């Protein structure tokens, strides 16, 4: 059976999602657009190598995973900090008023806690979806989210601007 790559449909289907994830990690439109292009280039390379996805769900998880990995690589290589757009409900949950304080706190989280935090609060993914994307158990996702919230709350409570790596 021969599979054909429908790039136009693929771009229409996933480009907005990839762009929004990348923008939340990297904060600049140019960087986010670069990540979108790189994700599609990797998808095409994956397709040309004869690897196909077993389902649409797995394809989406693969794209999200590649996007987050590329963003993290970009952050590490440039040694930059980023800002996140976080849902309004998080402000209430953490009982804070300052958007900048929240952004700074989330930016201080290490990758282990930041990834599930972004996927849950920004991308509105379910615990089960995050578990598949990060290849960790659902219990581990819940633990990481709880710890991330605790660390963000602690940072906000202390109100320090020089919060070290968590």
N, C-alpha and C. Protein backbone atom coordinates (compact mmCIF):
# COMPACT_ATOMS: atom_id res chain seq x y z
N UNK A 1 0.84 -1.18 0.00
CA UNK A 1 0.00 0.00 0.00
C UNK A 1 0.88 1.24 0.00
N UNK A 2 0.59 2.17 -0.88
CA UNK A 2 1.39 3.38 -0.99
C UNK A 2 0.66 4.53 -0.33
N UNK A 3 1.36 5.23 0.55
CA UNK A 3 0.80 6.38 1.24
C UNK A 3 1.26 7.65 0.54
N UNK A 4 0.38 8.62 0.46
CA UNK A 4 0.75 9.90 -0.13
C UNK A 4 0.70 10.96 0.96
N UNK A 5 1.63 11.88 0.87
CA UNK A 5 1.72 12.96 1.84
C UNK A 5 0.84 14.11 1.37
N UNK A 6 -0.16 14.44 2.15
CA UNK A 6 -1.04 15.57 1.86
C UNK A 6 -0.59 16.74 2.71
N UNK A 7 0.45 17.40 2.24
CA UNK A 7 1.10 18.46 3.01
C UNK A 7 0.16 19.64 3.27
N UNK A 8 -0.64 19.98 2.29
CA UNK A 8 -1.56 21.11 2.45
C UNK A 8 -2.54 20.85 3.59
N UNK A 9 -3.11 19.67 3.63
CA UNK A 9 -4.04 19.29 4.70
C UNK A 9 -3.32 19.24 6.05
N UNK A 10 -2.12 18.70 6.05
CA UNK A 10 -1.33 18.60 7.27
C UNK A 10 -1.04 19.98 7.85
N UNK A 11 -0.64 20.90 6.99
CA UNK A 11 -0.32 22.26 7.44
C UNK A 11 -1.57 22.94 7.98
N UNK A 12 -2.68 22.80 7.27
CA UNK A 12 -3.93 23.39 7.72
C UNK A 12 -4.37 22.83 9.07
N UNK A 13 -4.13 21.55 9.25
CA UNK A 13 -4.57 20.85 10.45
C UNK A 13 -3.74 21.19 11.69
N UNK A 14 -2.40 21.31 11.53
CA UNK A 14 -1.53 21.41 12.70
C UNK A 14 -0.75 22.72 12.84
N UNK A 15 -0.70 23.55 11.83
CA UNK A 15 0.19 24.72 11.90
C UNK A 15 -0.17 25.67 13.04
N UNK A 16 -1.46 25.92 13.26
CA UNK A 16 -1.86 26.82 14.35
C UNK A 16 -1.45 26.26 15.71
N UNK A 17 -1.69 24.98 15.92
CA UNK A 17 -1.33 24.34 17.19
C UNK A 17 0.18 24.43 17.43
N UNK A 18 0.97 24.10 16.42
CA UNK A 18 2.43 24.14 16.55
C UNK A 18 2.88 25.56 16.84
N UNK A 19 2.33 26.50 16.09
CA UNK A 19 2.70 27.91 16.26
C UNK A 19 2.40 28.39 17.68
N UNK A 20 1.22 28.06 18.21
CA UNK A 20 0.86 28.52 19.55
C UNK A 20 1.74 27.89 20.63
N UNK A 21 2.05 26.62 20.48
CA UNK A 21 2.95 25.98 21.44
C UNK A 21 4.32 26.65 21.39
N UNK A 22 4.84 26.81 20.18
CA UNK A 22 6.17 27.42 20.02
C UNK A 22 6.19 28.86 20.53
N UNK A 23 5.14 29.60 20.26
CA UNK A 23 5.08 31.00 20.71
C UNK A 23 5.09 31.10 22.23
N UNK A 24 4.43 30.17 22.87
CA UNK A 24 4.41 30.18 24.33
C UNK A 24 5.77 29.81 24.93
N UNK A 25 6.49 28.99 24.24
CA UNK A 25 7.84 28.65 24.70
C UNK A 25 8.83 29.77 24.38
N UNK A 26 8.77 30.30 23.17
CA UNK A 26 9.84 31.17 22.67
C UNK A 26 9.51 32.66 22.68
N UNK A 27 8.27 33.02 22.73
CA UNK A 27 7.74 34.38 22.85
C UNK A 27 7.89 35.28 21.63
N UNK A 28 8.70 34.95 20.64
CA UNK A 28 8.78 35.81 19.47
C UNK A 28 8.14 35.11 18.28
N UNK A 29 7.45 35.88 17.47
CA UNK A 29 6.75 35.32 16.32
C UNK A 29 7.73 34.67 15.34
N UNK A 30 8.86 35.32 15.12
CA UNK A 30 9.85 34.77 14.18
C UNK A 30 10.35 33.41 14.63
N UNK A 31 10.68 33.29 15.91
CA UNK A 31 11.16 32.01 16.43
C UNK A 31 10.07 30.94 16.33
N UNK A 32 8.85 31.32 16.64
CA UNK A 32 7.73 30.36 16.57
C UNK A 32 7.51 29.90 15.13
N UNK A 33 7.59 30.82 14.19
CA UNK A 33 7.43 30.45 12.78
C UNK A 33 8.54 29.52 12.32
N UNK A 34 9.75 29.76 12.80
CA UNK A 34 10.87 28.87 12.47
C UNK A 34 10.61 27.46 12.98
N UNK A 35 10.06 27.36 14.18
CA UNK A 35 9.76 26.05 14.77
C UNK A 35 8.69 25.34 13.94
N UNK A 36 7.68 26.07 13.49
CA UNK A 36 6.62 25.48 12.66
C UNK A 36 7.24 24.86 11.41
N UNK A 37 8.10 25.62 10.76
CA UNK A 37 8.75 25.10 9.55
C UNK A 37 9.59 23.87 9.85
N UNK A 38 10.34 23.92 10.94
CA UNK A 38 11.21 22.80 11.30
C UNK A 38 10.40 21.54 11.62
N UNK A 39 9.27 21.70 12.29
CA UNK A 39 8.43 20.55 12.61
C UNK A 39 7.93 19.89 11.32
N UNK A 40 7.48 20.70 10.37
CA UNK A 40 7.00 20.12 9.11
C UNK A 40 8.13 19.49 8.31
N UNK A 41 9.31 20.07 8.36
CA UNK A 41 10.45 19.47 7.68
C UNK A 41 10.77 18.10 8.28
N UNK A 42 10.69 18.00 9.60
CA UNK A 42 10.93 16.71 10.26
C UNK A 42 9.83 15.71 9.95
N UNK A 43 8.61 16.21 9.86
CA UNK A 43 7.50 15.33 9.50
C UNK A 43 7.73 14.74 8.11
N UNK A 44 8.11 15.60 7.17
CA UNK A 44 8.36 15.15 5.79
C UNK A 44 9.51 14.15 5.77
N UNK A 45 10.58 14.43 6.50
CA UNK A 45 11.71 13.51 6.56
C UNK A 45 11.27 12.16 7.14
N UNK A 46 10.45 12.20 8.17
CA UNK A 46 9.91 10.98 8.78
C UNK A 46 9.08 10.20 7.76
N UNK A 47 8.26 10.91 7.02
CA UNK A 47 7.40 10.28 6.01
C UNK A 47 8.25 9.66 4.90
N UNK A 48 9.26 10.40 4.42
CA UNK A 48 10.11 9.91 3.34
C UNK A 48 10.94 8.69 3.75
N UNK A 49 11.21 8.58 5.04
CA UNK A 49 11.98 7.43 5.51
C UNK A 49 11.10 6.17 5.63
N UNK A 50 9.82 6.32 5.31
CA UNK A 50 8.94 5.16 5.31
C UNK A 50 8.23 4.93 6.63
N UNK A 51 8.32 5.88 7.55
CA UNK A 51 7.65 5.73 8.84
C UNK A 51 6.28 6.41 8.77
N UNK A 52 5.26 5.66 9.13
CA UNK A 52 3.91 6.17 9.09
C UNK A 52 3.30 6.07 10.49
N UNK A 53 2.32 6.89 10.74
CA UNK A 53 1.69 6.91 12.06
C UNK A 53 0.52 5.94 12.07
N UNK A 54 0.39 5.23 13.19
CA UNK A 54 -0.67 4.23 13.31
C UNK A 54 -2.05 4.86 13.43
N UNK A 55 -2.10 6.10 13.92
CA UNK A 55 -3.39 6.77 14.06
C UNK A 55 -3.18 8.28 14.02
N UNK A 56 -4.28 8.97 13.84
CA UNK A 56 -4.24 10.43 13.84
C UNK A 56 -3.84 10.96 15.22
N UNK A 57 -4.28 10.27 16.26
CA UNK A 57 -3.93 10.66 17.62
C UNK A 57 -2.42 10.57 17.85
N UNK A 58 -1.82 9.49 17.39
CA UNK A 58 -0.38 9.30 17.54
C UNK A 58 0.38 10.35 16.72
N UNK A 59 -0.13 10.67 15.55
CA UNK A 59 0.48 11.70 14.71
C UNK A 59 0.49 13.04 15.45
N UNK A 60 -0.62 13.38 16.08
CA UNK A 60 -0.72 14.64 16.84
C UNK A 60 0.25 14.63 18.01
N UNK A 61 0.34 13.53 18.74
CA UNK A 61 1.27 13.45 19.87
C UNK A 61 2.71 13.60 19.40
N UNK A 62 3.03 12.97 18.28
CA UNK A 62 4.38 13.06 17.72
C UNK A 62 4.70 14.52 17.37
N UNK A 63 3.76 15.20 16.75
CA UNK A 63 3.98 16.60 16.36
C UNK A 63 4.16 17.48 17.59
N UNK A 64 3.35 17.28 18.62
CA UNK A 64 3.49 18.07 19.85
C UNK A 64 4.85 17.79 20.49
N UNK A 65 5.22 16.54 20.54
CA UNK A 65 6.50 16.16 21.15
C UNK A 65 7.68 16.78 20.40
N UNK A 66 7.67 16.70 19.08
CA UNK A 66 8.73 17.31 18.28
C UNK A 66 8.76 18.82 18.49
N UNK A 67 7.60 19.43 18.55
CA UNK A 67 7.51 20.88 18.77
C UNK A 67 8.12 21.26 20.11
N UNK A 68 7.73 20.57 21.17
CA UNK A 68 8.27 20.92 22.49
C UNK A 68 9.77 20.66 22.57
N UNK A 69 10.22 19.58 21.96
CA UNK A 69 11.67 19.30 21.96
C UNK A 69 12.45 20.37 21.21
N UNK A 70 11.95 20.78 20.06
CA UNK A 70 12.64 21.82 19.30
C UNK A 70 12.66 23.14 20.07
N UNK A 71 11.56 23.45 20.73
CA UNK A 71 11.51 24.68 21.53
C UNK A 71 12.50 24.63 22.68
N UNK A 72 12.54 23.50 23.37
CA UNK A 72 13.49 23.36 24.48
C UNK A 72 14.93 23.44 23.99
N UNK A 73 15.20 22.84 22.84
CA UNK A 73 16.54 22.93 22.27
C UNK A 73 16.90 24.37 21.94
N UNK A 74 15.94 25.10 21.41
CA UNK A 74 16.16 26.51 21.08
C UNK A 74 16.44 27.33 22.34
N UNK A 75 15.69 27.07 23.36
CA UNK A 75 15.88 27.81 24.62
C UNK A 75 17.26 27.50 25.21
N UNK A 76 17.62 26.22 25.23
CA UNK A 76 18.90 25.83 25.80
C UNK A 76 20.06 26.39 24.99
N UNK A 77 19.97 26.32 23.68
CA UNK A 77 21.08 26.78 22.85
C UNK A 77 21.24 28.29 22.92
N UNK A 78 20.14 29.00 23.03
CA UNK A 78 20.20 30.46 23.11
C UNK A 78 20.30 30.96 24.55
N UNK A 79 20.13 30.05 25.50
CA UNK A 79 20.14 30.39 26.93
C UNK A 79 19.22 31.57 27.22
N UNK A 80 18.00 31.43 26.69
CA UNK A 80 17.02 32.48 26.90
C UNK A 80 15.93 32.01 27.85
N UNK A 81 15.28 32.95 28.43
CA UNK A 81 14.09 32.68 29.23
C UNK A 81 12.90 33.12 28.41
N UNK A 82 11.78 32.47 28.62
CA UNK A 82 10.60 32.85 27.84
C UNK A 82 9.44 33.19 28.75
N UNK A 83 8.44 33.76 28.13
CA UNK A 83 7.19 34.06 28.82
C UNK A 83 6.12 33.14 28.30
N UNK A 84 5.14 32.86 29.15
CA UNK A 84 4.04 31.98 28.77
C UNK A 84 2.72 32.73 28.85
N UNK A 85 1.81 32.34 28.01
CA UNK A 85 0.44 32.81 28.15
C UNK A 85 -0.29 31.71 28.89
N UNK A 86 -0.80 32.04 30.06
CA UNK A 86 -1.42 31.03 30.91
C UNK A 86 -2.89 31.36 31.10
N UNK A 87 -3.72 30.33 31.15
CA UNK A 87 -5.15 30.52 31.29
C UNK A 87 -5.49 31.36 32.52
N UNK A 88 -6.59 32.10 32.41
CA UNK A 88 -7.07 32.94 33.50
C UNK A 88 -7.32 32.12 34.77
N UNK A 89 -7.80 30.91 34.63
CA UNK A 89 -8.13 30.10 35.80
C UNK A 89 -6.91 29.83 36.67
N UNK A 90 -5.74 29.82 36.06
CA UNK A 90 -4.52 29.59 36.83
C UNK A 90 -4.28 30.74 37.79
N UNK A 91 -4.58 31.96 37.37
CA UNK A 91 -4.41 33.11 38.26
C UNK A 91 -5.25 32.94 39.52
N UNK A 92 -6.47 32.49 39.34
CA UNK A 92 -7.36 32.27 40.49
C UNK A 92 -6.84 31.12 41.35
N UNK A 93 -6.43 30.05 40.69
CA UNK A 93 -5.95 28.87 41.41
C UNK A 93 -4.74 29.21 42.27
N UNK A 94 -3.86 30.05 41.73
CA UNK A 94 -2.64 30.41 42.46
C UNK A 94 -2.83 31.67 43.31
N UNK A 95 -3.98 32.30 43.18
CA UNK A 95 -4.32 33.48 43.96
C UNK A 95 -3.27 34.59 43.80
N UNK A 96 -3.09 35.02 42.55
CA UNK A 96 -2.13 36.09 42.29
C UNK A 96 -2.75 37.15 41.40
N UNK A 97 -2.13 38.32 41.38
CA UNK A 97 -2.62 39.41 40.55
C UNK A 97 -1.62 39.79 39.46
N UNK A 98 -0.36 39.59 39.67
CA UNK A 98 0.65 40.04 38.74
C UNK A 98 0.97 39.01 37.67
N UNK A 99 0.69 39.39 36.42
CA UNK A 99 0.98 38.50 35.29
C UNK A 99 2.48 38.28 35.16
N UNK A 100 3.27 39.34 35.33
CA UNK A 100 4.72 39.21 35.21
C UNK A 100 5.30 38.29 36.26
N UNK A 101 4.78 38.36 37.47
CA UNK A 101 5.25 37.49 38.53
C UNK A 101 4.98 36.02 38.18
N UNK A 102 3.80 35.76 37.62
CA UNK A 102 3.46 34.40 37.21
C UNK A 102 4.38 33.94 36.08
N UNK A 103 4.57 34.78 35.07
CA UNK A 103 5.45 34.42 33.95
C UNK A 103 6.85 34.10 34.45
N UNK A 104 7.36 34.94 35.33
CA UNK A 104 8.71 34.72 35.86
C UNK A 104 8.79 33.41 36.64
N UNK A 105 7.76 33.14 37.41
CA UNK A 105 7.74 31.90 38.20
C UNK A 105 7.72 30.67 37.29
N UNK A 106 6.86 30.69 36.29
CA UNK A 106 6.76 29.55 35.37
C UNK A 106 8.05 29.39 34.58
N UNK A 107 8.65 30.49 34.21
CA UNK A 107 9.91 30.43 33.46
C UNK A 107 11.05 29.82 34.27
N UNK A 108 10.94 29.84 35.57
CA UNK A 108 11.99 29.27 36.43
C UNK A 108 11.86 27.76 36.60
N UNK A 109 10.72 27.20 36.23
CA UNK A 109 10.55 25.76 36.35
C UNK A 109 11.50 25.04 35.40
N UNK A 110 12.03 23.92 35.86
CA UNK A 110 12.87 23.16 34.92
C UNK A 110 11.96 22.41 33.96
N UNK A 111 12.56 21.84 32.92
CA UNK A 111 11.82 21.20 31.84
C UNK A 111 10.87 20.12 32.35
N UNK A 112 11.29 19.39 33.37
CA UNK A 112 10.50 18.28 33.92
C UNK A 112 9.11 18.76 34.37
N UNK A 113 9.04 19.95 34.94
CA UNK A 113 7.77 20.48 35.44
C UNK A 113 7.12 21.45 34.45
N UNK A 114 7.93 22.14 33.68
CA UNK A 114 7.42 23.14 32.76
C UNK A 114 6.62 22.51 31.62
N UNK A 115 7.10 21.40 31.07
CA UNK A 115 6.40 20.76 29.95
C UNK A 115 4.97 20.36 30.30
N UNK A 116 4.76 19.59 31.37
CA UNK A 116 3.37 19.23 31.66
C UNK A 116 2.52 20.45 32.05
N UNK A 117 3.15 21.43 32.68
CA UNK A 117 2.47 22.65 33.08
C UNK A 117 1.93 23.38 31.84
N UNK A 118 2.76 23.54 30.84
CA UNK A 118 2.35 24.22 29.61
C UNK A 118 1.29 23.42 28.87
N UNK A 119 1.51 22.13 28.75
CA UNK A 119 0.55 21.30 28.03
C UNK A 119 -0.82 21.28 28.72
N UNK A 120 -0.82 21.31 30.04
CA UNK A 120 -2.08 21.25 30.79
C UNK A 120 -2.77 22.61 30.82
N UNK A 121 -2.06 23.66 31.23
CA UNK A 121 -2.68 24.97 31.42
C UNK A 121 -2.78 25.79 30.15
N UNK A 122 -1.87 25.63 29.23
CA UNK A 122 -1.89 26.44 28.03
C UNK A 122 -2.60 25.73 26.88
N UNK A 123 -2.25 24.49 26.66
CA UNK A 123 -2.82 23.75 25.53
C UNK A 123 -4.09 22.99 25.90
N UNK A 124 -4.48 23.02 27.15
CA UNK A 124 -5.72 22.37 27.61
C UNK A 124 -5.77 20.88 27.31
N UNK A 125 -4.63 20.23 27.37
CA UNK A 125 -4.60 18.79 27.14
C UNK A 125 -4.99 18.06 28.42
N UNK A 126 -5.53 16.88 28.26
CA UNK A 126 -5.91 16.06 29.40
C UNK A 126 -4.67 15.37 29.96
N UNK A 127 -4.78 14.94 31.20
CA UNK A 127 -3.69 14.22 31.86
C UNK A 127 -3.27 13.01 31.03
N UNK A 128 -4.24 12.28 30.52
CA UNK A 128 -3.93 11.08 29.72
C UNK A 128 -3.17 11.43 28.45
N UNK A 129 -3.52 12.55 27.83
CA UNK A 129 -2.81 12.98 26.61
C UNK A 129 -1.38 13.40 26.93
N UNK A 130 -1.21 14.12 28.01
CA UNK A 130 0.13 14.56 28.43
C UNK A 130 0.98 13.34 28.75
N UNK A 131 0.38 12.36 29.38
CA UNK A 131 1.08 11.13 29.72
C UNK A 131 1.64 10.46 28.47
N UNK A 132 0.85 10.38 27.42
CA UNK A 132 1.30 9.77 26.17
C UNK A 132 2.40 10.61 25.50
N UNK A 133 2.21 11.91 25.49
CA UNK A 133 3.19 12.79 24.84
C UNK A 133 4.54 12.73 25.53
N UNK A 134 4.53 12.79 26.86
CA UNK A 134 5.78 12.81 27.62
C UNK A 134 6.31 11.41 27.93
N UNK A 135 5.49 10.41 27.61
CA UNK A 135 5.86 9.01 27.86
C UNK A 135 6.15 8.75 29.34
N UNK A 136 5.24 9.25 30.17
CA UNK A 136 5.30 9.01 31.61
C UNK A 136 3.90 8.61 32.07
N UNK A 137 3.80 8.05 33.25
CA UNK A 137 2.49 7.62 33.75
C UNK A 137 1.60 8.82 34.08
N UNK A 138 0.31 8.57 34.11
CA UNK A 138 -0.63 9.64 34.47
C UNK A 138 -0.37 10.12 35.89
N UNK A 139 -0.04 9.20 36.78
CA UNK A 139 0.28 9.59 38.16
C UNK A 139 1.48 10.52 38.19
N UNK A 140 2.47 10.23 37.35
CA UNK A 140 3.65 11.08 37.28
C UNK A 140 3.30 12.46 36.75
N UNK A 141 2.42 12.54 35.76
CA UNK A 141 1.97 13.84 35.23
C UNK A 141 1.31 14.64 36.35
N UNK A 142 0.41 13.99 37.09
CA UNK A 142 -0.28 14.68 38.19
C UNK A 142 0.71 15.16 39.24
N UNK A 143 1.70 14.34 39.55
CA UNK A 143 2.72 14.72 40.53
C UNK A 143 3.51 15.92 40.05
N UNK A 144 3.91 15.88 38.80
CA UNK A 144 4.69 17.00 38.25
C UNK A 144 3.87 18.29 38.20
N UNK A 145 2.60 18.18 37.87
CA UNK A 145 1.74 19.37 37.87
C UNK A 145 1.59 19.93 39.28
N UNK A 146 1.39 19.03 40.26
CA UNK A 146 1.26 19.48 41.64
C UNK A 146 2.53 20.17 42.11
N UNK A 147 3.67 19.57 41.82
CA UNK A 147 4.95 20.16 42.23
C UNK A 147 5.21 21.48 41.52
N UNK A 148 4.85 21.55 40.26
CA UNK A 148 5.02 22.81 39.51
C UNK A 148 4.18 23.91 40.14
N UNK A 149 2.92 23.59 40.47
CA UNK A 149 2.05 24.59 41.11
C UNK A 149 2.62 25.02 42.45
N UNK A 150 3.11 24.05 43.24
CA UNK A 150 3.69 24.38 44.54
C UNK A 150 4.91 25.30 44.39
N UNK A 151 5.75 24.99 43.41
CA UNK A 151 6.96 25.79 43.20
C UNK A 151 6.61 27.20 42.71
N UNK A 152 5.62 27.28 41.84
CA UNK A 152 5.19 28.59 41.35
C UNK A 152 4.60 29.40 42.51
N UNK A 153 3.77 28.76 43.33
CA UNK A 153 3.19 29.44 44.49
C UNK A 153 4.28 29.93 45.44
N UNK A 154 5.27 29.09 45.68
CA UNK A 154 6.37 29.46 46.59
C UNK A 154 7.13 30.65 46.04
N UNK A 155 7.41 30.64 44.78
CA UNK A 155 8.11 31.75 44.15
C UNK A 155 7.30 33.04 44.30
N UNK A 156 6.03 32.97 44.02
CA UNK A 156 5.16 34.13 44.09
C UNK A 156 5.06 34.62 45.54
N UNK A 157 4.97 33.67 46.46
CA UNK A 157 4.88 34.02 47.88
C UNK A 157 6.13 34.78 48.32
N UNK A 158 7.29 34.29 47.87
CA UNK A 158 8.55 34.96 48.23
C UNK A 158 8.73 36.25 47.44
N UNK A 159 8.16 36.26 46.23
CA UNK A 159 8.24 37.47 45.41
C UNK A 159 9.63 37.84 44.99
N UNK A 160 10.51 36.87 44.94
CA UNK A 160 11.90 37.13 44.58
C UNK A 160 12.06 37.23 43.07
N UNK A 161 12.98 38.08 42.66
CA UNK A 161 13.26 38.18 41.23
C UNK A 161 14.40 37.28 40.83
N UNK A 162 15.10 36.73 41.79
CA UNK A 162 16.25 35.88 41.47
C UNK A 162 16.00 34.46 41.93
N UNK A 163 14.90 33.94 41.53
CA UNK A 163 14.52 32.57 41.89
C UNK A 163 15.38 31.61 41.09
N UNK A 164 16.15 30.77 41.74
CA UNK A 164 17.06 29.86 41.05
C UNK A 164 16.36 28.72 40.37
N UNK A 165 17.12 27.91 39.65
CA UNK A 165 16.57 26.73 38.97
C UNK A 165 15.94 25.82 39.99
N UNK A 166 14.78 25.32 39.65
CA UNK A 166 14.05 24.44 40.57
C UNK A 166 14.43 23.01 40.27
